[in-house]
Amino acid sequence: METRAIEPTTGNTSYIAEPLYAIVNPVAGSGRPARTWPAIRRRLERLGLRIHEAHTAEPGAAMHLARSFAEAGARELLVVGGDGTLNEVVNGLLDDAGRPLGPVTVTAVPCGTGRDFPRLFGITRPEQAIDLLRTGEPCRVDVGRLTFVGLDGKRQRRYFVNMADVGLGAETAAWVSNSTKQLGGFLAYLVGALRTILRHRAAELALEVDGQPVFTGRALMVAIANGRFHAGGMRIAPMASVVDGKLEVFVLREVSRPVLLGSLLPSVYRGTHVHHPAVQHWRGATVRLTAPRPIRIEMDGEPVGTTDLEAGVVPRALTIRVPAGTCLAA
């Protein structure tokens, strides 16, 4: 089957060898794909593209769809959903050793609650997919790899594109995941963070980065960042790069609720929290976190299990389509 791509400057069409595939999560972002994707698809089809579309029906479905598409030879894949959908797709595209199952280029069509990973490249609206297919360029980016205790109590290994965190952020993600997301990304996570701050307590833990002990004590949160943004636009790791083979690791030590609400929460949206005396920061390729009692973990906005955990980086494992000129700056 022939599929047409859009020429960068003229808007005319020319043939490419590979068909386009789309994985659509219809319940992402409180059903936003159902409201926005059909019009985008019609515009793409009017421009000459033909799309093979599949919808997710349950958690984990995007992973299986991505794997089946890759094994069938897909090279161009649209992901219509949020960071959680993209997370599943990446886990379907990589094997157990972190190797891509095929030369697949992913185009994010951000329709979820957080939309934090594509935000790194200035991709914040689903309609941008049209320009990405016209003038965007492929960018090979790092992914994180996490080993942890799954919800079934067994050790699991999964990949994350943006961020994994333990404690306060994970509790917030769990609340947002189980509640209405009609407020949208920023407000949903802000309300969740405020609610969690009033209830969450610090936990004892020990942290190693690149094999060196760096922290032991009580902490409210540990963030392990590949990307910069989190929870609908929080600048958790403003210095992070997805092309440097490193993770940014942050510990939020135990502080009072007034400090959390009055100074730390507002500053995290500006990225200035990194200068707060309660925040410690390291950069490394491997992370190990242990705790005497299990602490909740989330990755890419979805609760996945509990500690203990080990994290690492798989360099340049994912190819994503981004606006021209934004790859090396990410």
Protein backbone atom coordinates (compact mmCIF):
# COMPACT_ATOMS: atom_id res chain seq x y z
CA MET A 1 0.00 0.00 0.00
CA GLU A 2 1.29 3.45 -0.89
CA THR A 3 1.10 6.35 1.51
CA ARG A 4 1.75 9.99 0.75
CA ALA A 5 3.81 12.41 2.75
CA ILE A 6 3.61 16.18 2.66
CA GLU A 7 6.35 18.17 0.99
CA PRO A 8 8.05 20.64 3.36
CA THR A 9 7.51 23.83 1.38
CA THR A 10 4.86 23.47 -1.29
CA GLY A 11 2.11 21.50 0.45
CA ASN A 12 2.07 19.10 -2.49
CA THR A 13 2.31 15.34 -1.92
CA SER A 14 4.93 12.79 -2.82
CA TYR A 15 4.99 9.08 -2.23
CA ILE A 16 6.90 7.38 0.56
CA ALA A 17 7.36 3.67 0.92
CA GLU A 18 5.92 3.15 4.40
CA PRO A 19 2.27 3.40 5.51
CA LEU A 20 1.33 5.44 8.55
CA TYR A 21 -0.01 3.71 11.64
CA ALA A 22 -1.91 5.34 14.52
CA ILE A 23 -2.51 4.11 18.05
CA VAL A 24 -5.39 6.04 19.61
CA ASN A 25 -6.21 5.99 23.32
CA PRO A 26 -9.86 7.17 23.30
CA VAL A 27 -10.02 7.74 27.08
CA ALA A 28 -6.80 9.77 27.45
CA GLY A 29 -7.29 13.28 28.80
CA SER A 30 -10.96 12.63 29.66
CA GLY A 31 -11.73 11.62 26.09
CA ARG A 32 -9.85 14.40 24.29
CA PRO A 33 -8.74 12.12 21.39
CA ALA A 34 -12.39 11.46 20.54
CA ARG A 35 -12.95 15.20 20.24
CA THR A 36 -9.78 16.19 18.36
CA TRP A 37 -8.34 13.23 16.47
CA PRO A 38 -11.10 12.70 13.83
CA ALA A 39 -10.65 16.22 12.44
CA ILE A 40 -6.86 15.82 12.38
CA ARG A 41 -7.17 12.51 10.59
CA ARG A 42 -9.48 14.04 7.97
CA ARG A 43 -6.98 16.85 7.34
CA LEU A 44 -4.16 14.34 6.93
CA GLU A 45 -6.22 12.24 4.54
CA ARG A 46 -7.10 15.30 2.46
CA LEU A 47 -3.36 15.92 2.15
CA GLY A 48 -2.87 12.45 0.71
CA LEU A 49 -1.91 10.35 3.74
CA ARG A 50 -3.52 6.99 4.41
CA ILE A 51 -3.57 5.83 8.01
CA HIS A 52 -3.98 2.42 9.65
CA GLU A 53 -5.71 3.17 12.95
CA ALA A 54 -6.12 1.03 16.07
CA HIS A 55 -7.77 1.98 19.37
CA THR A 56 -6.71 0.86 22.82
CA ALA A 57 -9.40 -0.93 24.80
CA GLU A 58 -7.66 -1.49 28.14
CA PRO A 59 -4.47 -0.64 30.05
CA GLY A 60 -1.45 -2.19 28.33
CA ALA A 61 -3.14 -2.38 24.94
CA ALA A 62 -0.92 0.32 23.38
CA MET A 63 2.16 -1.75 24.23
CA HIS A 64 0.82 -4.79 22.43
CA LEU A 65 -0.37 -2.77 19.45
CA ALA A 66 3.00 -1.04 19.09
CA ARG A 67 4.83 -4.35 19.25
CA SER A 68 2.58 -5.95 16.65
CA PHE A 69 2.94 -2.94 14.34
CA ALA A 70 6.74 -2.96 14.70
CA GLU A 71 6.94 -6.68 14.05
CA ALA A 72 4.75 -6.19 10.96
CA GLY A 73 7.26 -3.66 9.59
CA ALA A 74 5.72 -0.32 10.57
CA ARG A 75 8.08 2.64 10.27
CA GLU A 76 5.81 5.64 10.98
CA LEU A 77 3.66 5.57 14.12
CA LEU A 78 1.32 8.26 15.45
CA VAL A 79 0.57 8.07 19.19
CA VAL A 80 -2.73 9.81 19.97
CA GLY A 81 -2.91 10.10 23.75
CA GLY A 82 -0.91 11.26 26.73
CA ASP A 83 2.40 10.43 28.36
CA GLY A 84 0.98 7.16 29.68
CA THR A 85 0.03 6.05 26.18
CA LEU A 86 3.46 7.03 24.87
CA ASN A 87 5.02 5.08 27.74
CA GLU A 88 3.15 1.94 26.73
CA VAL A 89 4.12 2.40 23.09
CA VAL A 90 7.81 2.71 23.96
CA ASN A 91 7.61 -0.43 26.07
CA GLY A 92 6.15 -2.18 23.05
CA LEU A 93 8.81 -0.91 20.66
CA LEU A 94 11.84 -1.98 22.75
CA ASP A 95 12.98 -5.50 23.60
CA ASP A 96 14.21 -6.64 27.03
CA ALA A 97 17.70 -5.31 26.31
CA GLY A 98 16.42 -1.88 25.22
CA ARG A 99 16.93 -2.51 21.51
CA PRO A 100 14.28 -1.18 19.07
CA LEU A 101 12.27 -3.92 17.40
CA GLY A 102 12.41 -1.96 14.17
CA PRO A 103 13.22 1.45 12.65
CA VAL A 104 10.00 3.07 13.89
CA THR A 105 9.64 6.88 14.08
CA VAL A 106 7.05 8.02 16.61
CA THR A 107 5.00 11.19 16.17
CA ALA A 108 3.27 12.31 19.38
CA VAL A 109 -0.26 13.69 19.04
CA PRO A 110 -0.62 15.06 22.59
CA CYS A 111 -4.15 14.54 23.90
CA GLY A 112 -3.52 13.42 27.47
CA THR A 113 -3.65 15.07 30.86
CA GLY A 114 0.03 15.96 31.32
CA ARG A 115 1.55 16.02 27.82
CA ASP A 116 4.92 16.60 29.50
CA PHE A 117 7.31 14.67 27.27
CA PRO A 118 6.34 16.30 23.93
CA ARG A 119 6.31 19.66 25.76
CA LEU A 120 10.11 19.34 25.84
CA PHE A 121 10.11 19.92 22.06
CA GLY A 122 7.39 22.57 22.06
CA ILE A 123 4.73 20.04 21.06
CA THR A 124 1.66 20.93 23.14
CA ARG A 125 -1.30 20.73 20.71
CA PRO A 126 -2.57 17.69 18.78
CA GLU A 127 -2.89 19.76 15.60
CA GLN A 128 0.88 20.15 15.48
CA ALA A 129 1.10 16.58 14.17
CA ILE A 130 0.28 17.89 10.71
CA ASP A 131 3.29 20.21 10.65
CA LEU A 132 5.49 17.55 12.24
CA LEU A 133 4.73 15.21 9.37
CA ARG A 134 5.41 18.04 6.92
CA THR A 135 8.52 19.73 8.27
CA GLY A 136 9.59 17.80 11.38
CA GLU A 137 12.74 15.74 11.70
CA PRO A 138 13.53 12.46 13.46
CA CYS A 139 15.38 12.72 16.76
CA ARG A 140 16.91 9.78 18.61
CA VAL A 141 16.40 10.24 22.34
CA ASP A 142 17.30 8.39 25.52
CA VAL A 143 14.80 6.43 27.56
CA GLY A 144 14.99 5.48 31.20
CA ARG A 145 14.86 1.89 32.41
CA LEU A 146 13.33 1.05 35.78
CA THR A 147 13.29 -2.19 37.78
CA PHE A 148 10.82 -2.21 40.68
CA VAL A 149 8.14 -4.18 42.51
CA GLY A 150 5.03 -4.30 40.36
CA LEU A 151 1.43 -4.06 41.49
CA ASP A 152 1.35 -7.87 41.47
CA GLY A 153 4.22 -8.02 43.97
CA LYS A 154 6.74 -9.33 41.42
CA ARG A 155 9.89 -7.62 40.16
CA GLN A 156 9.33 -5.90 36.83
CA ARG A 157 11.39 -3.92 34.33
CA ARG A 158 9.87 -1.13 32.28
CA TYR A 159 11.04 1.85 30.26
CA PHE A 160 10.04 5.47 30.80
CA VAL A 161 10.44 8.41 28.45
CA ASN A 162 10.06 11.33 30.80
CA MET A 163 10.27 10.75 34.53
CA ALA A 164 9.87 8.29 37.37
CA ASP A 165 9.35 9.39 40.94
CA VAL A 166 8.84 8.03 44.41
CA GLY A 167 6.70 9.43 47.21
CA LEU A 168 4.85 12.74 46.90
CA GLY A 169 4.76 12.83 43.10
CA ALA A 170 3.66 9.20 42.86
CA GLU A 171 0.86 9.75 45.38
CA THR A 172 -0.31 12.76 43.38
CA ALA A 173 -0.25 10.75 40.13
CA ALA A 174 -2.27 7.98 41.78
CA TRP A 175 -4.93 10.47 42.88
CA VAL A 176 -5.10 12.11 39.44
CA SER A 177 -5.28 8.70 37.76
CA ASN A 178 -8.21 7.64 39.96
CA SER A 179 -10.12 10.92 39.83
CA THR A 180 -11.63 13.14 37.21
CA LYS A 181 -9.23 14.73 34.75
CA GLN A 182 -11.79 17.22 33.43
CA LEU A 183 -9.78 20.05 34.99
CA GLY A 184 -7.01 19.55 32.45
CA GLY A 185 -3.33 18.86 33.00
CA PHE A 186 -2.19 21.89 34.99
CA LEU A 187 -5.22 22.15 37.26
CA ALA A 188 -5.66 18.40 37.71
CA TYR A 189 -2.10 17.98 38.94
CA LEU A 190 -2.18 21.18 40.99
CA VAL A 191 -5.30 20.07 42.85
CA GLY A 192 -3.78 16.62 43.27
CA ALA A 193 -0.53 18.07 44.60
CA LEU A 194 -2.34 20.30 47.10
CA ARG A 195 -4.41 17.38 48.33
CA THR A 196 -1.41 15.07 48.61
CA ILE A 197 0.75 17.64 50.42
CA LEU A 198 -1.85 17.81 53.19
CA ARG A 199 -1.70 14.04 53.70
CA HIS A 200 1.66 12.71 52.62
CA ARG A 201 4.42 11.90 55.11
CA ALA A 202 8.14 11.54 54.53
CA ALA A 203 9.66 8.05 54.34
CA GLU A 204 13.02 6.57 55.26
CA LEU A 205 15.11 5.66 52.21
CA ALA A 206 18.66 5.27 50.94
CA LEU A 207 19.85 6.45 47.53
CA GLU A 208 22.86 5.62 45.38
CA VAL A 209 23.88 7.35 42.14
CA ASP A 210 26.46 5.66 39.91
CA GLY A 211 27.19 3.24 42.73
CA GLN A 212 27.96 5.93 45.30
CA PRO A 213 25.77 6.49 48.40
CA VAL A 214 24.46 10.06 48.24
CA PHE A 215 21.51 10.21 50.64
CA THR A 216 20.14 8.35 53.65
CA GLY A 217 17.26 9.68 55.69
CA ARG A 218 13.67 10.85 55.51
CA ALA A 219 12.47 12.29 52.20
CA LEU A 220 9.16 13.42 50.79
CA MET A 221 10.01 12.65 47.17
CA VAL A 222 12.71 11.32 44.86
CA ALA A 223 12.48 12.25 41.17
CA ILE A 224 14.47 10.45 38.46
CA ALA A 225 14.25 12.59 35.34
CA ASN A 226 15.04 11.94 31.71
CA GLY A 227 12.96 14.92 30.53
CA ARG A 228 12.39 18.34 32.09
CA PHE A 229 8.66 18.61 32.70
CA HIS A 230 6.32 16.75 35.00
CA ALA A 231 2.70 16.82 36.20
CA GLY A 232 1.27 19.18 33.60
CA GLY A 233 4.17 21.59 33.25
CA MET A 234 6.14 21.51 36.49
CA ARG A 235 9.81 22.18 35.66
CA ILE A 236 11.12 19.42 37.88
CA ALA A 237 14.43 19.06 36.02
CA PRO A 238 15.10 22.28 34.08
CA MET A 239 18.65 21.19 33.19
CA ALA A 240 17.71 17.73 31.89
CA SER A 241 18.59 16.53 28.39
CA VAL A 242 17.17 13.51 26.60
CA VAL A 243 20.29 13.13 24.45
CA ASP A 244 23.09 13.11 27.07
CA GLY A 245 22.86 9.53 28.42
CA LYS A 246 22.25 10.78 31.98
CA LEU A 247 19.44 10.99 34.51
CA GLU A 248 18.81 13.96 36.79
CA VAL A 249 18.10 12.80 40.34
CA PHE A 250 16.40 14.99 42.95
CA VAL A 251 15.62 14.41 46.61
CA LEU A 252 13.11 16.57 48.45
CA ARG A 253 14.02 16.27 52.11
CA GLU A 254 11.42 16.41 54.87
CA VAL A 255 10.06 19.93 55.33
CA SER A 256 6.91 21.40 56.84
CA ARG A 257 3.67 21.73 54.92
CA PRO A 258 3.82 25.54 55.01
CA VAL A 259 7.21 25.40 53.30
CA LEU A 260 5.87 22.97 50.69
CA LEU A 261 2.80 25.08 49.97
CA GLY A 262 4.34 28.52 50.39
CA SER A 263 7.65 28.27 48.58
CA LEU A 264 8.41 24.89 47.01
CA LEU A 265 5.18 24.22 45.09
CA PRO A 266 5.06 27.66 43.42
CA SER A 267 8.78 27.56 42.58
CA VAL A 268 8.62 24.15 40.89
CA TYR A 269 6.56 25.66 38.04
CA ARG A 270 9.43 28.08 37.39
CA GLY A 271 12.21 25.56 37.94
CA THR A 272 13.74 27.64 40.75
CA HIS A 273 13.09 24.95 43.38
CA VAL A 274 16.50 23.48 42.51
CA HIS A 275 18.11 26.24 44.61
CA HIS A 276 16.01 25.50 47.71
CA PRO A 277 18.02 24.12 50.66
CA ALA A 278 15.59 21.18 51.00
CA VAL A 279 16.30 20.01 47.44
CA GLN A 280 19.40 17.97 46.56
CA HIS A 281 20.46 17.11 43.03
CA TRP A 282 22.78 14.62 41.35
CA ARG A 283 23.40 13.51 37.75
CA GLY A 284 24.27 9.95 36.79
CA ALA A 285 23.64 6.95 34.58
CA THR A 286 22.43 4.56 37.31
CA VAL A 287 20.29 4.99 40.40
CA ARG A 288 19.44 2.61 43.23
CA LEU A 289 16.83 3.35 45.89
CA THR A 290 16.02 1.13 48.87
CA ALA A 291 13.56 1.62 51.70
CA PRO A 292 12.59 -0.39 54.79
CA ARG A 293 8.93 -0.05 53.81
CA PRO A 294 7.50 0.02 50.25
CA ILE A 295 7.02 3.49 48.76
CA ARG A 296 4.74 4.11 45.80
CA ILE A 297 6.34 4.67 42.35
CA GLU A 298 4.95 6.33 39.23
CA MET A 299 6.43 6.67 35.77
CA ASP A 300 5.26 8.99 33.03
CA GLY A 301 2.23 9.94 35.11
CA GLU A 302 0.97 6.42 35.87
CA PRO A 303 1.26 4.46 39.16
CA VAL A 304 3.19 1.23 38.48
CA GLY A 305 4.33 -0.27 41.78
CA THR A 306 6.60 0.27 44.77
CA THR A 307 10.23 0.32 45.87
CA ASP A 308 12.92 -0.97 45.97
CA LEU A 309 14.07 0.24 42.55
CA GLU A 310 17.01 0.44 40.17
CA ALA A 311 17.12 2.90 37.26
CA GLY A 312 19.36 3.35 34.25
CA VAL A 313 19.53 4.90 30.80
CA VAL A 314 19.20 3.35 27.35
CA PRO A 315 20.91 5.93 25.10
CA ARG A 316 19.18 6.98 21.87
CA ALA A 317 16.71 4.08 22.01
CA LEU A 318 13.64 5.95 20.73
CA THR A 319 13.19 7.88 17.48
CA ILE A 320 10.60 10.64 17.77
CA ARG A 321 9.58 13.25 15.23
CA VAL A 322 10.20 16.80 16.50
CA PRO A 323 10.13 20.33 15.07
CA ALA A 324 13.21 21.08 12.99
CA GLY A 325 16.12 22.36 15.05
CA THR A 326 14.85 21.21 18.45
CA CYS A 327 16.59 17.85 18.78
CA LEU A 328 20.02 18.79 20.11
CA ALA A 329 18.53 21.42 22.42
CA ALA A 330 16.25 18.88 24.13
